Amino acid sequence: MALGKSTTKNVKRSILLGLFLLSANVGAEALSLAAAPFETYVADDGEPSRINSLLHEAFAKMDDTQVDLQIMREAFLGSAVRAKRVDGEFAYIDLGEKQQGIVLSRPYLPLTLYATGKGPEVENVKLFPHLKGHRVAIENRFANTPTFRLLKNIKWSRNPSTYDAFRQLADDRAPFLITSKLLIDEFNLLLASVDEELLRFSAKPLLTSGFRLALHSDVPNAQGFLSTFNAVIDAMQQDGSYNRLLGIHWLLKDVNSDGVADFIANSRITTAASPLSTAYALDNSLPSETSLFIVDGVQYADFDQAKLSLTAPVTPRESLLDPELYDLMLKRW
């Protein structure tokens, strides 16, 4: 798989991740895009980072433009964007902030926020009001946004990092945590590795957003750049690249605009035994009896035909969260 492990712990404040050739004819100078670290999504220290991997490959498929990706602390990111020291953000999440003079790509990776917890009561949560009066752990990146500041009747326990947010659950300081479904899945892989009971989660996502590219509107040919990027992402989501880069067996997306979600797989990682029920949705469409099955970009009318192409051996994947970092937390679970 493309996502590796590293025991490096030091997080640099800002790092040049690379120069990639892109198509969109943005100009002679490199386009500079920045983001803040977000565990398993964005990293600058060699740790697994899904967004880094996705964008690296997407940009490599584009021509004629240089792009610098920079990672900086959250406190510096906003001022760098406002002062136009960078041309935009590469992991922008719309959570109600008013933005002027910004143009956005389509979401290239969904962000679905669920409530999670140790006990079965979290499975009854369907709306934020169901958490009224409870202490709920949350990362500052979400809590410090207009969307969450409007939720007044929840006792937020704010945390500077993903690790600190999960520690609220581990230490029983908060019965609930709001975080992404992908992070819940990664933490459950850690729990499974030490034979602990898995986290449960809310009956449905409490909030759905997505990661986007956000460019200043005065960047030369910004719209053209984003259009090209959107097209590359569409192709990668359908040809199995996303399965490989995200480490997810099945994905869901409406690939033929019929309003029905189709199942997407990669023969290098998806096995015939991989349950369709765990498919991760890339859009809002739902599967039905007319769903297509797509393996490595090849369409099949039904699952039985598709399974013939799924010959990858069953090899359990390790969590993208660092087991050494979370070792003490798991021992105290």
Protein backbone atom coordinates (compact mmCIF):
# COMPACT_ATOMS: atom_id res chain seq x y z
CA MET A 1 0.00 0.00 0.00
CA ALA A 2 1.10 3.56 -0.63
CA LEU A 3 0.68 4.68 3.00
CA GLY A 4 3.73 3.82 5.08
CA LYS A 5 4.74 3.98 8.74
CA SER A 6 7.34 6.09 10.47
CA THR A 7 8.36 6.51 14.08
CA THR A 8 9.33 10.14 13.55
CA LYS A 9 7.63 12.26 16.21
CA ASN A 10 8.94 15.78 15.67
CA VAL A 11 6.47 17.93 13.76
CA LYS A 12 8.14 20.78 11.93
CA ARG A 13 6.27 24.07 11.79
CA SER A 14 6.53 24.42 8.06
CA ILE A 15 7.98 22.20 5.36
CA LEU A 16 8.14 22.22 1.62
CA LEU A 17 6.57 18.92 0.65
CA GLY A 18 7.48 18.99 -3.00
CA LEU A 19 7.24 20.46 -6.42
CA PHE A 20 4.71 18.84 -8.68
CA LEU A 21 4.00 19.46 -12.35
CA LEU A 22 0.38 20.45 -12.89
CA SER A 23 -1.73 21.21 -15.96
CA ALA A 24 -3.81 24.44 -15.92
CA ASN A 25 -1.21 26.93 -17.10
CA VAL A 26 -1.31 28.90 -13.85
CA GLY A 27 1.86 30.75 -14.71
CA ALA A 28 5.63 30.64 -14.44
CA GLU A 29 5.81 30.94 -10.64
CA ALA A 30 4.88 28.04 -8.40
CA LEU A 31 1.43 28.03 -6.86
CA SER A 32 1.73 27.88 -3.06
CA LEU A 33 -0.93 26.03 -1.06
CA ALA A 34 -0.88 25.47 2.70
CA ALA A 35 -2.63 23.37 5.35
CA ALA A 36 -2.37 22.61 9.05
CA PRO A 37 -1.43 19.12 10.30
CA PHE A 38 -4.35 16.75 10.86
CA GLU A 39 -3.55 13.23 12.02
CA THR A 40 -3.79 10.61 9.24
CA TYR A 41 -4.92 13.32 6.79
CA VAL A 42 -2.13 15.94 6.58
CA ALA A 43 1.40 15.46 7.91
CA ASP A 44 4.89 16.79 7.34
CA ASP A 45 6.94 14.30 9.35
CA GLY A 46 6.70 11.09 7.34
CA GLU A 47 3.59 9.82 9.13
CA PRO A 48 0.75 8.36 7.02
CA SER A 49 -1.30 11.19 5.51
CA ARG A 50 -4.15 10.44 3.16
CA ILE A 51 -4.51 13.95 1.75
CA ASN A 52 -0.78 14.25 1.07
CA SER A 53 -0.91 10.97 -0.84
CA LEU A 54 -4.05 11.88 -2.80
CA LEU A 55 -2.77 15.29 -3.85
CA HIS A 56 0.72 14.08 -4.66
CA GLU A 57 -0.72 11.61 -7.16
CA ALA A 58 -3.36 14.00 -8.49
CA PHE A 59 -0.82 16.73 -9.13
CA ALA A 60 1.55 14.26 -10.78
CA LYS A 61 -1.18 13.57 -13.36
CA MET A 62 -1.32 17.26 -14.33
CA ASP A 63 1.17 19.17 -16.49
CA ASP A 64 2.95 22.50 -16.92
CA THR A 65 2.53 24.10 -13.49
CA GLN A 66 4.59 23.98 -10.32
CA VAL A 67 2.81 23.77 -6.95
CA ASP A 68 4.42 24.08 -3.52
CA LEU A 69 2.53 22.41 -0.67
CA GLN A 70 3.38 23.84 2.74
CA ILE A 71 2.31 22.63 6.17
CA MET A 72 2.16 25.11 9.03
CA ARG A 73 0.60 25.41 12.45
CA GLU A 74 -3.10 26.26 12.58
CA ALA A 75 -2.32 29.59 14.24
CA PHE A 76 -0.16 30.65 11.30
CA LEU A 77 -2.33 29.25 8.50
CA GLY A 78 -5.14 31.80 8.72
CA SER A 79 -2.83 34.80 8.76
CA ALA A 80 -0.75 33.40 5.90
CA VAL A 81 -3.87 33.02 3.76
CA ARG A 82 -5.32 36.43 4.68
CA ALA A 83 -2.02 38.20 4.03
CA LYS A 84 -1.66 36.29 0.73
CA ARG A 85 1.69 34.87 1.71
CA VAL A 86 0.30 31.70 0.11
CA ASP A 87 -2.06 31.36 -2.84
CA GLY A 88 -4.58 29.29 -0.89
CA GLU A 89 -5.25 26.14 1.12
CA PHE A 90 -5.13 22.51 0.06
CA ALA A 91 -7.24 20.99 2.89
CA TYR A 92 -9.95 23.63 3.28
CA ILE A 93 -13.11 22.60 5.17
CA ASP A 94 -16.22 24.79 4.96
CA LEU A 95 -17.68 24.99 8.47
CA GLY A 96 -19.45 28.31 8.18
CA GLU A 97 -16.57 30.77 7.87
CA LYS A 98 -17.29 33.76 5.65
CA GLN A 99 -14.80 33.77 2.82
CA GLN A 100 -14.46 36.53 0.26
CA GLY A 101 -12.26 36.45 -2.79
CA ILE A 102 -11.86 32.67 -2.61
CA VAL A 103 -12.67 30.07 -5.27
CA LEU A 104 -13.09 26.42 -4.33
CA SER A 105 -12.63 23.04 -5.94
CA ARG A 106 -15.28 20.41 -5.55
CA PRO A 107 -14.75 18.33 -2.38
CA TYR A 108 -12.06 15.79 -3.19
CA LEU A 109 -12.48 13.85 0.07
CA PRO A 110 -15.64 13.78 2.20
CA LEU A 111 -15.48 14.67 5.89
CA THR A 112 -18.26 12.98 7.85
CA LEU A 113 -18.34 13.83 11.56
CA TYR A 114 -19.92 11.30 13.90
CA ALA A 115 -20.39 11.08 17.64
CA THR A 116 -18.46 8.14 19.05
CA GLY A 117 -18.15 6.57 22.48
CA LYS A 118 -17.55 3.38 24.44
CA GLY A 119 -21.17 2.66 25.33
CA PRO A 120 -24.24 1.73 23.28
CA GLU A 121 -26.06 4.99 24.08
CA VAL A 122 -24.10 6.80 21.36
CA GLU A 123 -25.86 4.66 18.75
CA ASN A 124 -29.11 6.48 19.58
CA VAL A 125 -27.61 9.86 18.64
CA LYS A 126 -28.89 11.19 15.32
CA LEU A 127 -28.75 14.97 15.82
CA PHE A 128 -26.61 17.42 17.79
CA PRO A 129 -29.51 18.19 20.20
CA HIS A 130 -29.31 14.57 21.37
CA LEU A 131 -25.96 15.52 22.98
CA LYS A 132 -27.51 18.37 24.96
CA GLY A 133 -26.10 18.60 28.48
CA HIS A 134 -23.39 16.00 27.85
CA ARG A 135 -19.64 16.57 27.89
CA VAL A 136 -18.35 16.00 24.37
CA ALA A 137 -14.70 15.95 23.32
CA ILE A 138 -13.80 17.74 20.10
CA GLU A 139 -10.71 19.06 18.35
CA ASN A 140 -10.16 22.81 18.24
CA ARG A 141 -10.08 22.70 14.42
CA PHE A 142 -13.82 21.98 14.56
CA ALA A 143 -14.81 23.71 17.80
CA ASN A 144 -13.39 27.07 16.71
CA THR A 145 -15.71 27.40 13.71
CA PRO A 146 -19.07 29.19 13.32
CA THR A 147 -20.92 25.91 12.85
CA PHE A 148 -19.88 24.56 16.24
CA ARG A 149 -19.91 27.86 18.11
CA LEU A 150 -23.66 28.02 17.40
CA LEU A 151 -24.21 24.78 19.36
CA LYS A 152 -24.64 26.30 22.81
CA ASN A 153 -26.18 23.51 24.89
CA ILE A 154 -23.33 21.01 24.60
CA LYS A 155 -20.47 20.96 27.12
CA TRP A 156 -17.57 20.99 24.70
CA SER A 157 -14.25 19.64 25.90
CA ARG A 158 -11.86 21.28 23.44
CA ASN A 159 -8.58 19.61 22.50
CA PRO A 160 -5.55 20.75 20.48
CA SER A 161 -4.97 17.42 18.73
CA THR A 162 -6.55 14.15 17.66
CA TYR A 163 -4.58 12.31 20.34
CA ASP A 164 -5.85 14.59 23.10
CA ALA A 165 -9.43 14.21 21.88
CA PHE A 166 -9.29 10.41 22.00
CA ARG A 167 -7.63 10.60 25.43
CA GLN A 168 -10.82 12.24 26.73
CA LEU A 169 -12.60 8.97 25.97
CA ALA A 170 -9.77 6.79 27.26
CA ASP A 171 -9.71 8.60 30.62
CA ASP A 172 -13.52 8.71 30.84
CA ARG A 173 -13.45 12.49 31.08
CA ALA A 174 -16.00 12.72 28.27
CA PRO A 175 -18.49 10.01 27.29
CA PHE A 176 -18.66 11.22 23.69
CA LEU A 177 -16.27 12.47 21.00
CA ILE A 178 -17.07 14.22 17.73
CA THR A 179 -14.61 13.24 15.02
CA SER A 180 -14.42 11.90 11.48
CA LYS A 181 -15.61 8.42 10.57
CA LEU A 182 -12.22 7.63 9.05
CA LEU A 183 -10.48 8.47 12.33
CA ILE A 184 -12.94 6.35 14.30
CA ASP A 185 -12.15 3.45 11.96
CA GLU A 186 -8.40 3.94 12.44
CA PHE A 187 -8.74 4.04 16.23
CA ASN A 188 -10.86 0.89 16.13
CA LEU A 189 -8.04 -0.86 14.26
CA LEU A 190 -5.77 -0.01 17.20
CA LEU A 191 -8.35 -1.31 19.67
CA ALA A 192 -8.79 -4.52 17.68
CA SER A 193 -5.01 -5.07 17.69
CA VAL A 194 -5.07 -5.31 21.51
CA ASP A 195 -8.40 -7.19 21.70
CA GLU A 196 -10.33 -4.26 23.18
CA GLU A 197 -14.00 -3.57 22.52
CA LEU A 198 -14.45 -1.23 19.57
CA LEU A 199 -15.82 2.28 19.72
CA ARG A 200 -19.46 2.67 18.73
CA PHE A 201 -20.76 5.62 16.78
CA SER A 202 -23.90 7.61 16.11
CA ALA A 203 -26.69 6.26 13.93
CA LYS A 204 -25.83 8.78 11.22
CA PRO A 205 -23.27 11.52 10.58
CA LEU A 206 -24.02 14.68 12.55
CA LEU A 207 -22.30 16.86 9.97
CA THR A 208 -21.05 16.30 6.44
CA SER A 209 -18.50 18.52 4.73
CA GLY A 210 -15.41 17.86 2.63
CA PHE A 211 -11.81 18.77 1.93
CA ARG A 212 -11.28 21.19 -0.95
CA LEU A 213 -8.64 23.29 -2.62
CA ALA A 214 -9.26 26.98 -1.90
CA LEU A 215 -7.50 29.58 -4.06
CA HIS A 216 -7.49 33.36 -3.97
CA SER A 217 -9.70 34.44 -6.85
CA ASP A 218 -6.95 36.70 -8.22
CA VAL A 219 -4.60 33.76 -8.79
CA PRO A 220 -4.06 33.65 -12.58
CA ASN A 221 -6.43 31.13 -14.19
CA ALA A 222 -7.59 29.88 -10.80
CA GLN A 223 -10.85 28.51 -12.19
CA GLY A 224 -9.06 26.70 -14.99
CA PHE A 225 -6.68 25.11 -12.51
CA LEU A 226 -9.54 23.94 -10.31
CA SER A 227 -11.50 22.56 -13.27
CA THR A 228 -8.52 20.46 -14.30
CA PHE A 229 -8.01 19.30 -10.73
CA ASN A 230 -11.69 18.30 -10.42
CA ALA A 231 -11.46 16.22 -13.59
CA VAL A 232 -8.33 14.41 -12.38
CA ILE A 233 -9.97 13.65 -9.03
CA ASP A 234 -13.09 12.27 -10.76
CA ALA A 235 -10.93 9.86 -12.75
CA MET A 236 -8.92 8.77 -9.70
CA GLN A 237 -12.07 8.08 -7.71
CA GLN A 238 -13.32 5.71 -10.40
CA ASP A 239 -10.17 3.83 -11.45
CA GLY A 240 -9.25 2.34 -8.06
CA SER A 241 -6.58 4.93 -7.20
CA TYR A 242 -8.60 6.22 -4.25
CA ASN A 243 -9.01 2.72 -2.80
CA ARG A 244 -5.26 2.22 -2.90
CA LEU A 245 -4.34 5.65 -1.54
CA LEU A 246 -6.97 5.66 1.22
CA GLY A 247 -6.50 2.01 2.12
CA ILE A 248 -10.24 1.32 1.79
CA HIS A 249 -11.60 -1.81 0.09
CA TRP A 250 -14.89 -0.45 -1.28
CA LEU A 251 -15.91 3.09 -2.18
CA LEU A 252 -19.32 4.41 -3.21
CA LYS A 253 -19.95 7.03 -5.88
CA ASP A 254 -22.48 7.68 -8.64
CA VAL A 255 -20.20 7.29 -11.64
CA ASN A 256 -22.81 7.45 -14.43
CA SER A 257 -25.10 10.23 -13.14
CA ASP A 258 -28.14 7.97 -12.74
CA GLY A 259 -28.63 8.99 -9.11
CA VAL A 260 -27.51 5.61 -7.77
CA ALA A 261 -24.22 4.94 -5.99
CA ASP A 262 -21.87 2.44 -7.61
CA PHE A 263 -19.31 0.24 -5.84
CA ILE A 264 -15.64 0.90 -6.67
CA ALA A 265 -12.75 -1.47 -5.88
CA ASN A 266 -9.05 -1.99 -6.53
CA SER A 267 -7.93 -5.55 -7.23
CA ARG A 268 -4.63 -4.93 -5.40
CA ILE A 269 -6.33 -4.46 -2.01
CA THR A 270 -10.02 -5.41 -2.31
CA THR A 271 -10.79 -9.06 -1.63
CA ALA A 272 -13.85 -11.05 -2.63
CA ALA A 273 -14.65 -11.31 1.08
CA SER A 274 -14.50 -7.55 1.71
CA PRO A 275 -18.00 -6.60 2.94
CA LEU A 276 -19.91 -4.14 0.80
CA SER A 277 -21.53 -2.80 3.97
CA THR A 278 -18.26 -1.08 4.90
CA ALA A 279 -18.05 0.92 1.64
CA TYR A 280 -17.03 4.54 2.18
CA ALA A 281 -19.21 7.07 0.36
CA LEU A 282 -17.55 9.73 -1.80
CA ASP A 283 -20.85 11.52 -2.53
CA ASN A 284 -24.43 11.62 -1.24
CA SER A 285 -25.88 8.93 -3.51
CA LEU A 286 -27.13 5.60 -2.17
CA PRO A 287 -26.67 2.13 -3.69
CA SER A 288 -29.53 0.07 -5.10
CA GLU A 289 -30.12 -3.10 -7.07
CA THR A 290 -28.99 -1.23 -10.21
CA SER A 291 -25.58 -0.29 -8.76
CA LEU A 292 -22.60 -1.03 -10.95
CA PHE A 293 -19.44 -2.70 -9.65
CA ILE A 294 -16.19 -1.15 -10.87
CA VAL A 295 -12.83 -2.86 -10.40
CA ASP A 296 -9.71 -1.04 -11.60
CA GLY A 297 -11.92 1.13 -13.80
CA VAL A 298 -13.71 -1.81 -15.45
CA GLN A 299 -17.49 -1.88 -14.98
CA TYR A 300 -19.44 -5.03 -14.08
CA ALA A 301 -23.21 -5.37 -13.92
CA ASP A 302 -23.27 -7.43 -10.72
CA PHE A 303 -21.16 -8.44 -7.75
CA ASP A 304 -20.67 -12.04 -8.90
CA GLN A 305 -18.93 -10.85 -12.08
CA ALA A 306 -16.83 -8.32 -10.19
CA LYS A 307 -15.68 -10.90 -7.63
CA LEU A 308 -13.85 -12.82 -10.34
CA SER A 309 -11.41 -9.89 -10.57
CA LEU A 310 -10.87 -9.66 -6.81
CA THR A 311 -7.97 -12.03 -6.22
CA ALA A 312 -6.00 -10.05 -3.62
CA PRO A 313 -5.07 -12.10 -0.53
CA VAL A 314 -6.76 -11.24 2.76
CA THR A 315 -4.15 -9.19 4.65
CA PRO A 316 -5.36 -7.16 7.65
CA ARG A 317 -4.26 -3.54 7.47
CA GLU A 318 -2.52 -1.79 10.35
CA SER A 319 -3.96 1.44 11.68
CA LEU A 320 -2.63 4.69 10.24
CA LEU A 321 -2.48 5.99 13.82
CA ASP A 322 0.93 5.45 15.42
CA PRO A 323 0.66 2.45 17.80
CA GLU A 324 3.68 3.65 19.81
CA LEU A 325 2.11 7.05 20.39
CA TYR A 326 -1.19 5.51 21.49
CA ASP A 327 0.33 2.60 23.43
CA LEU A 328 -0.21 4.05 26.93
CA MET A 329 -3.75 5.14 26.04
CA LEU A 330 -4.62 1.62 24.89
CA LYS A 331 -3.17 0.10 28.06
CA ARG A 332 -5.40 2.37 30.15
CA TRP A 333 -8.48 1.71 28.01
